[in-house]
Amino acid sequence: MKQMGVSCDWDKFTYTLDEKVVKQAYSAFKQMWHDKLIYRGERLVNFCTFHGTSFSDIEVTYKTEPSKLWYIKYPLADGSGELTVATSRPETMLGDTAVAINPKDKKYTSFQGKRLNCP
């Protein structure tokens, strides 16, 4: 940058991955965590199947589209019944590794801890 003739206050010049900047970023996140302004969760939001990555809310343009609601019946592994799941994205069934239920909903307490087979 100096060779290009950029005139800067070179004493304050810094790079985003300089140790000073990284320490300040960690300090800010630690303070926000302490103040309960942020949380950490292992989840993807706005996952794009086309790009194979996730996007933040500010990168997403929401569009309402009419779609069909599919009902998938997952048989219990022990053969004692089935659990029906409604989804607008049936293609994700092939990658399903778990089905979550609300343990407080009495309608589904009999399924708690049970194993399902992917149809």
N, C-alpha and C. Protein backbone atom coordinates (compact mmCIF):
# COMPACT_ATOMS: atom_id res chain seq x y z
N MET A 1 0.83 -1.19 0.00
CA MET A 1 0.00 0.00 0.00
C MET A 1 0.88 1.25 0.00
N LYS A 2 2.00 1.18 0.73
CA LYS A 2 2.92 2.32 0.74
C LYS A 2 3.47 2.57 -0.66
N GLN A 3 3.79 1.48 -1.38
CA GLN A 3 4.34 1.61 -2.73
C GLN A 3 3.34 2.23 -3.69
N MET A 4 2.05 2.05 -3.42
CA MET A 4 1.03 2.65 -4.28
C MET A 4 0.81 4.11 -3.93
N GLY A 5 1.44 4.57 -2.87
CA GLY A 5 1.32 5.97 -2.49
C GLY A 5 0.17 6.28 -1.56
N VAL A 6 -0.35 5.25 -0.90
CA VAL A 6 -1.45 5.46 0.04
C VAL A 6 -0.92 6.24 1.24
N SER A 7 -1.62 7.29 1.60
CA SER A 7 -1.22 8.11 2.73
C SER A 7 -2.11 7.75 3.92
N CYS A 8 -1.52 7.09 4.89
CA CYS A 8 -2.27 6.64 6.07
C CYS A 8 -1.50 6.99 7.32
N ASP A 9 -2.18 6.90 8.44
CA ASP A 9 -1.49 6.96 9.72
C ASP A 9 -1.02 5.54 9.99
N TRP A 10 0.20 5.22 9.57
CA TRP A 10 0.68 3.84 9.58
C TRP A 10 0.82 3.27 10.99
N ASP A 11 0.84 4.13 12.00
CA ASP A 11 0.90 3.63 13.38
C ASP A 11 -0.42 2.98 13.79
N LYS A 12 -1.51 3.38 13.13
CA LYS A 12 -2.83 2.82 13.46
C LYS A 12 -3.30 1.79 12.45
N PHE A 13 -2.48 1.54 11.43
CA PHE A 13 -2.84 0.57 10.40
C PHE A 13 -2.91 -0.82 11.03
N THR A 14 -3.98 -1.56 10.74
CA THR A 14 -4.13 -2.90 11.29
C THR A 14 -4.85 -3.79 10.30
N TYR A 15 -4.68 -5.07 10.48
CA TYR A 15 -5.31 -6.08 9.64
C TYR A 15 -6.38 -6.77 10.48
N THR A 16 -7.45 -7.23 9.84
CA THR A 16 -8.57 -7.80 10.59
C THR A 16 -8.20 -9.02 11.42
N LEU A 17 -7.13 -9.73 11.06
CA LEU A 17 -6.73 -10.91 11.83
C LEU A 17 -5.52 -10.64 12.73
N ASP A 18 -5.15 -9.36 12.90
CA ASP A 18 -4.09 -9.03 13.85
C ASP A 18 -4.52 -9.44 15.24
N GLU A 19 -3.55 -9.82 16.06
CA GLU A 19 -3.84 -10.31 17.40
C GLU A 19 -4.66 -9.30 18.21
N LYS A 20 -4.35 -8.02 18.08
CA LYS A 20 -5.08 -6.98 18.81
C LYS A 20 -6.56 -6.96 18.43
N VAL A 21 -6.85 -7.07 17.15
CA VAL A 21 -8.25 -7.04 16.67
C VAL A 21 -8.98 -8.30 17.11
N VAL A 22 -8.32 -9.46 16.99
CA VAL A 22 -8.94 -10.72 17.39
C VAL A 22 -9.27 -10.71 18.87
N LYS A 23 -8.34 -10.22 19.71
CA LYS A 23 -8.59 -10.15 21.16
C LYS A 23 -9.78 -9.24 21.47
N GLN A 24 -9.87 -8.12 20.76
CA GLN A 24 -10.99 -7.21 20.98
C GLN A 24 -12.32 -7.86 20.57
N ALA A 25 -12.30 -8.60 19.46
CA ALA A 25 -13.52 -9.28 19.01
C ALA A 25 -13.95 -10.33 20.03
N TYR A 26 -13.00 -11.14 20.51
CA TYR A 26 -13.33 -12.16 21.52
C TYR A 26 -13.85 -11.50 22.79
N SER A 27 -13.23 -10.40 23.17
CA SER A 27 -13.65 -9.68 24.37
C SER A 27 -15.09 -9.17 24.22
N ALA A 28 -15.40 -8.62 23.05
CA ALA A 28 -16.76 -8.11 22.80
C ALA A 28 -17.78 -9.24 22.84
N PHE A 29 -17.47 -10.38 22.21
CA PHE A 29 -18.40 -11.51 22.22
C PHE A 29 -18.55 -12.08 23.63
N LYS A 30 -17.46 -12.11 24.38
CA LYS A 30 -17.53 -12.61 25.76
C LYS A 30 -18.45 -11.71 26.60
N GLN A 31 -18.33 -10.39 26.40
CA GLN A 31 -19.17 -9.46 27.15
C GLN A 31 -20.64 -9.61 26.75
N MET A 32 -20.91 -9.76 25.45
CA MET A 32 -22.29 -9.95 24.99
C MET A 32 -22.86 -11.26 25.53
N TRP A 33 -22.02 -12.32 25.61
CA TRP A 33 -22.45 -13.59 26.18
C TRP A 33 -22.79 -13.40 27.65
N HIS A 34 -21.92 -12.70 28.37
CA HIS A 34 -22.13 -12.44 29.80
C HIS A 34 -23.42 -11.65 30.03
N ASP A 35 -23.71 -10.69 29.14
CA ASP A 35 -24.91 -9.87 29.26
C ASP A 35 -26.16 -10.55 28.69
N LYS A 36 -26.01 -11.81 28.25
CA LYS A 36 -27.10 -12.61 27.68
C LYS A 36 -27.72 -11.95 26.45
N LEU A 37 -26.88 -11.28 25.66
CA LEU A 37 -27.34 -10.66 24.42
C LEU A 37 -27.21 -11.61 23.24
N ILE A 38 -26.38 -12.63 23.40
CA ILE A 38 -26.19 -13.63 22.35
C ILE A 38 -26.24 -15.00 22.98
N TYR A 39 -26.45 -16.01 22.16
CA TYR A 39 -26.41 -17.39 22.61
C TYR A 39 -25.72 -18.22 21.54
N ARG A 40 -25.33 -19.40 21.93
CA ARG A 40 -24.66 -20.28 20.98
C ARG A 40 -25.49 -21.54 20.84
N GLY A 41 -25.78 -21.89 19.61
CA GLY A 41 -26.55 -23.09 19.36
C GLY A 41 -26.00 -23.82 18.15
N GLU A 42 -26.10 -25.13 18.18
CA GLU A 42 -25.64 -25.91 17.05
C GLU A 42 -26.81 -26.16 16.11
N ARG A 43 -27.07 -25.18 15.27
CA ARG A 43 -28.17 -25.30 14.32
C ARG A 43 -27.85 -24.45 13.10
N LEU A 44 -28.36 -24.88 11.99
CA LEU A 44 -28.22 -24.10 10.77
C LEU A 44 -29.51 -23.31 10.55
N VAL A 45 -29.37 -22.10 10.14
CA VAL A 45 -30.54 -21.31 9.79
C VAL A 45 -30.44 -20.95 8.32
N ASN A 46 -31.56 -20.94 7.66
CA ASN A 46 -31.61 -20.57 6.25
C ASN A 46 -30.64 -21.41 5.42
N PHE A 47 -30.72 -22.72 5.56
CA PHE A 47 -29.84 -23.60 4.78
C PHE A 47 -30.31 -23.64 3.34
N CYS A 48 -29.39 -23.40 2.42
CA CYS A 48 -29.70 -23.40 1.00
C CYS A 48 -29.26 -24.72 0.38
N THR A 49 -30.21 -25.49 -0.09
CA THR A 49 -29.87 -26.79 -0.69
C THR A 49 -29.17 -26.61 -2.02
N PHE A 50 -29.39 -25.50 -2.71
CA PHE A 50 -28.74 -25.26 -3.99
C PHE A 50 -27.26 -24.94 -3.79
N HIS A 51 -26.97 -24.03 -2.85
CA HIS A 51 -25.59 -23.63 -2.62
C HIS A 51 -24.87 -24.54 -1.62
N GLY A 52 -25.62 -25.33 -0.86
CA GLY A 52 -25.03 -26.24 0.10
C GLY A 52 -24.39 -25.54 1.28
N THR A 53 -24.94 -24.41 1.68
CA THR A 53 -24.41 -23.65 2.81
C THR A 53 -25.55 -22.92 3.51
N SER A 54 -25.25 -22.26 4.60
CA SER A 54 -26.28 -21.48 5.29
C SER A 54 -26.03 -20.00 5.07
N PHE A 55 -27.10 -19.22 5.20
CA PHE A 55 -27.03 -17.78 5.01
C PHE A 55 -27.61 -17.09 6.24
N SER A 56 -27.14 -15.90 6.53
CA SER A 56 -27.71 -15.14 7.63
C SER A 56 -29.05 -14.55 7.19
N ASP A 57 -29.81 -14.07 8.17
CA ASP A 57 -31.13 -13.48 7.86
C ASP A 57 -31.03 -12.29 6.92
N ILE A 58 -29.94 -11.51 7.03
CA ILE A 58 -29.84 -10.32 6.17
C ILE A 58 -29.50 -10.68 4.73
N GLU A 59 -29.08 -11.92 4.49
CA GLU A 59 -28.75 -12.35 3.13
C GLU A 59 -29.92 -13.05 2.44
N VAL A 60 -31.03 -13.20 3.13
CA VAL A 60 -32.16 -13.96 2.61
C VAL A 60 -33.28 -13.03 2.17
N THR A 61 -33.80 -13.27 0.99
CA THR A 61 -35.00 -12.58 0.52
C THR A 61 -36.14 -13.57 0.65
N TYR A 62 -37.06 -13.27 1.54
CA TYR A 62 -38.17 -14.18 1.79
C TYR A 62 -39.24 -14.01 0.73
N LYS A 63 -39.81 -15.12 0.32
CA LYS A 63 -40.84 -15.11 -0.70
C LYS A 63 -41.89 -16.15 -0.31
N THR A 64 -43.14 -15.74 -0.23
CA THR A 64 -44.22 -16.65 0.11
C THR A 64 -44.67 -17.37 -1.15
N GLU A 65 -44.73 -18.68 -1.07
CA GLU A 65 -45.17 -19.48 -2.20
C GLU A 65 -46.20 -20.50 -1.74
N PRO A 66 -47.22 -20.73 -2.54
CA PRO A 66 -48.14 -21.81 -2.18
C PRO A 66 -47.44 -23.15 -2.38
N SER A 67 -47.62 -24.03 -1.44
CA SER A 67 -46.99 -25.35 -1.58
C SER A 67 -47.89 -26.41 -0.96
N LYS A 68 -47.56 -27.61 -1.24
CA LYS A 68 -48.33 -28.74 -0.74
C LYS A 68 -47.75 -29.20 0.59
N LEU A 69 -48.61 -29.66 1.47
CA LEU A 69 -48.18 -30.23 2.73
C LEU A 69 -48.20 -31.75 2.59
N TRP A 70 -47.04 -32.36 2.79
CA TRP A 70 -46.91 -33.81 2.66
C TRP A 70 -46.96 -34.45 4.04
N TYR A 71 -47.55 -35.62 4.11
CA TYR A 71 -47.62 -36.37 5.36
C TYR A 71 -46.83 -37.66 5.19
N ILE A 72 -45.79 -37.81 6.00
CA ILE A 72 -44.93 -38.99 5.92
C ILE A 72 -45.17 -39.84 7.16
N LYS A 73 -45.44 -41.12 6.93
CA LYS A 73 -45.66 -42.03 8.05
C LYS A 73 -44.38 -42.79 8.34
N TYR A 74 -43.83 -42.58 9.53
CA TYR A 74 -42.63 -43.27 9.98
C TYR A 74 -43.06 -44.46 10.86
N PRO A 75 -42.84 -45.68 10.40
CA PRO A 75 -43.22 -46.83 11.24
C PRO A 75 -42.25 -46.98 12.42
N LEU A 76 -42.79 -47.36 13.56
CA LEU A 76 -41.94 -47.63 14.72
C LEU A 76 -41.13 -48.89 14.46
N ALA A 77 -39.89 -48.89 14.92
CA ALA A 77 -38.98 -50.01 14.66
C ALA A 77 -39.50 -51.31 15.28
N ASP A 78 -40.24 -51.19 16.39
CA ASP A 78 -40.74 -52.40 17.04
C ASP A 78 -42.06 -52.89 16.43
N GLY A 79 -42.57 -52.19 15.40
CA GLY A 79 -43.78 -52.61 14.71
C GLY A 79 -45.07 -52.27 15.43
N SER A 80 -45.00 -51.48 16.50
CA SER A 80 -46.19 -51.21 17.30
C SER A 80 -47.03 -50.03 16.81
N GLY A 81 -46.67 -49.42 15.71
CA GLY A 81 -47.45 -48.30 15.20
C GLY A 81 -46.63 -47.43 14.28
N GLU A 82 -47.09 -46.20 14.11
CA GLU A 82 -46.38 -45.27 13.23
C GLU A 82 -46.60 -43.84 13.71
N LEU A 83 -45.69 -42.96 13.32
CA LEU A 83 -45.78 -41.55 13.64
C LEU A 83 -45.88 -40.79 12.33
N THR A 84 -46.89 -39.94 12.21
CA THR A 84 -47.08 -39.17 10.98
C THR A 84 -46.49 -37.78 11.17
N VAL A 85 -45.65 -37.38 10.22
CA VAL A 85 -44.99 -36.08 10.25
C VAL A 85 -45.43 -35.28 9.03
N ALA A 86 -45.83 -34.03 9.23
CA ALA A 86 -46.22 -33.16 8.12
C ALA A 86 -45.03 -32.29 7.74
N THR A 87 -44.78 -32.14 6.44
CA THR A 87 -43.66 -31.33 5.96
C THR A 87 -43.98 -30.76 4.59
N SER A 88 -43.35 -29.64 4.28
CA SER A 88 -43.47 -29.09 2.94
C SER A 88 -42.23 -29.45 2.11
N ARG A 89 -41.27 -30.15 2.72
CA ARG A 89 -40.05 -30.55 2.03
C ARG A 89 -39.84 -32.06 2.18
N PRO A 90 -40.61 -32.88 1.46
CA PRO A 90 -40.50 -34.33 1.63
C PRO A 90 -39.15 -34.89 1.20
N GLU A 91 -38.41 -34.15 0.34
CA GLU A 91 -37.12 -34.66 -0.12
C GLU A 91 -36.09 -34.77 1.00
N THR A 92 -36.32 -34.06 2.10
CA THR A 92 -35.38 -34.13 3.22
C THR A 92 -35.50 -35.44 3.99
N MET A 93 -36.58 -36.18 3.75
CA MET A 93 -36.80 -37.45 4.45
C MET A 93 -35.61 -38.39 4.28
N LEU A 94 -34.99 -38.38 3.11
CA LEU A 94 -33.88 -39.30 2.85
C LEU A 94 -32.68 -39.02 3.74
N GLY A 95 -32.58 -37.81 4.25
CA GLY A 95 -31.47 -37.48 5.13
C GLY A 95 -31.84 -37.43 6.59
N ASP A 96 -33.09 -37.75 6.92
CA ASP A 96 -33.53 -37.69 8.31
C ASP A 96 -32.76 -38.67 9.18
N THR A 97 -32.32 -38.18 10.32
CA THR A 97 -31.65 -39.05 11.29
C THR A 97 -32.40 -39.07 12.61
N ALA A 98 -33.36 -38.16 12.77
CA ALA A 98 -34.13 -38.11 14.01
C ALA A 98 -35.43 -37.37 13.77
N VAL A 99 -36.40 -37.64 14.63
CA VAL A 99 -37.67 -36.91 14.63
C VAL A 99 -37.85 -36.39 16.04
N ALA A 100 -38.13 -35.10 16.17
CA ALA A 100 -38.31 -34.50 17.49
C ALA A 100 -39.79 -34.37 17.80
N ILE A 101 -40.12 -34.61 19.05
CA ILE A 101 -41.49 -34.42 19.51
C ILE A 101 -41.46 -33.50 20.72
N ASN A 102 -42.59 -32.90 21.01
CA ASN A 102 -42.71 -32.08 22.21
C ASN A 102 -43.04 -33.01 23.38
N PRO A 103 -42.12 -33.17 24.32
CA PRO A 103 -42.37 -34.10 25.42
C PRO A 103 -43.53 -33.68 26.33
N LYS A 104 -43.95 -32.41 26.25
CA LYS A 104 -45.07 -31.95 27.07
C LYS A 104 -46.42 -32.22 26.40
N ASP A 105 -46.40 -32.57 25.12
CA ASP A 105 -47.64 -32.85 24.39
C ASP A 105 -48.04 -34.31 24.67
N LYS A 106 -49.10 -34.49 25.41
CA LYS A 106 -49.52 -35.83 25.83
C LYS A 106 -49.83 -36.74 24.64
N LYS A 107 -50.18 -36.15 23.50
CA LYS A 107 -50.50 -36.92 22.30
C LYS A 107 -49.29 -37.74 21.82
N TYR A 108 -48.08 -37.25 22.12
CA TYR A 108 -46.88 -37.89 21.59
C TYR A 108 -45.99 -38.54 22.66
N THR A 109 -46.41 -38.56 23.92
CA THR A 109 -45.56 -39.14 24.96
C THR A 109 -45.27 -40.63 24.75
N SER A 110 -46.16 -41.32 24.08
CA SER A 110 -45.93 -42.75 23.84
C SER A 110 -44.80 -42.99 22.84
N PHE A 111 -44.43 -41.95 22.08
CA PHE A 111 -43.34 -42.07 21.10
C PHE A 111 -41.99 -41.70 21.69
N GLN A 112 -41.98 -41.14 22.87
CA GLN A 112 -40.74 -40.67 23.47
C GLN A 112 -39.74 -41.83 23.67
N GLY A 113 -38.54 -41.66 23.16
CA GLY A 113 -37.48 -42.66 23.31
C GLY A 113 -37.59 -43.82 22.35
N LYS A 114 -38.57 -43.82 21.47
CA LYS A 114 -38.77 -44.92 20.52
C LYS A 114 -37.91 -44.69 19.27
N ARG A 115 -37.64 -45.76 18.57
CA ARG A 115 -36.90 -45.71 17.30
C ARG A 115 -37.89 -45.85 16.15
N LEU A 116 -37.61 -45.07 15.08
CA LEU A 116 -38.44 -45.10 13.89
C LEU A 116 -37.65 -45.63 12.71
N ASN A 117 -38.34 -46.17 11.75
CA ASN A 117 -37.71 -46.59 10.49
C ASN A 117 -38.05 -45.56 9.43
N CYS A 118 -37.06 -45.21 8.62
CA CYS A 118 -37.30 -44.29 7.51
C CYS A 118 -38.04 -45.08 6.43
N PRO A 119 -39.22 -44.61 6.02
CA PRO A 119 -40.01 -45.38 5.04
C PRO A 119 -39.32 -45.51 3.69
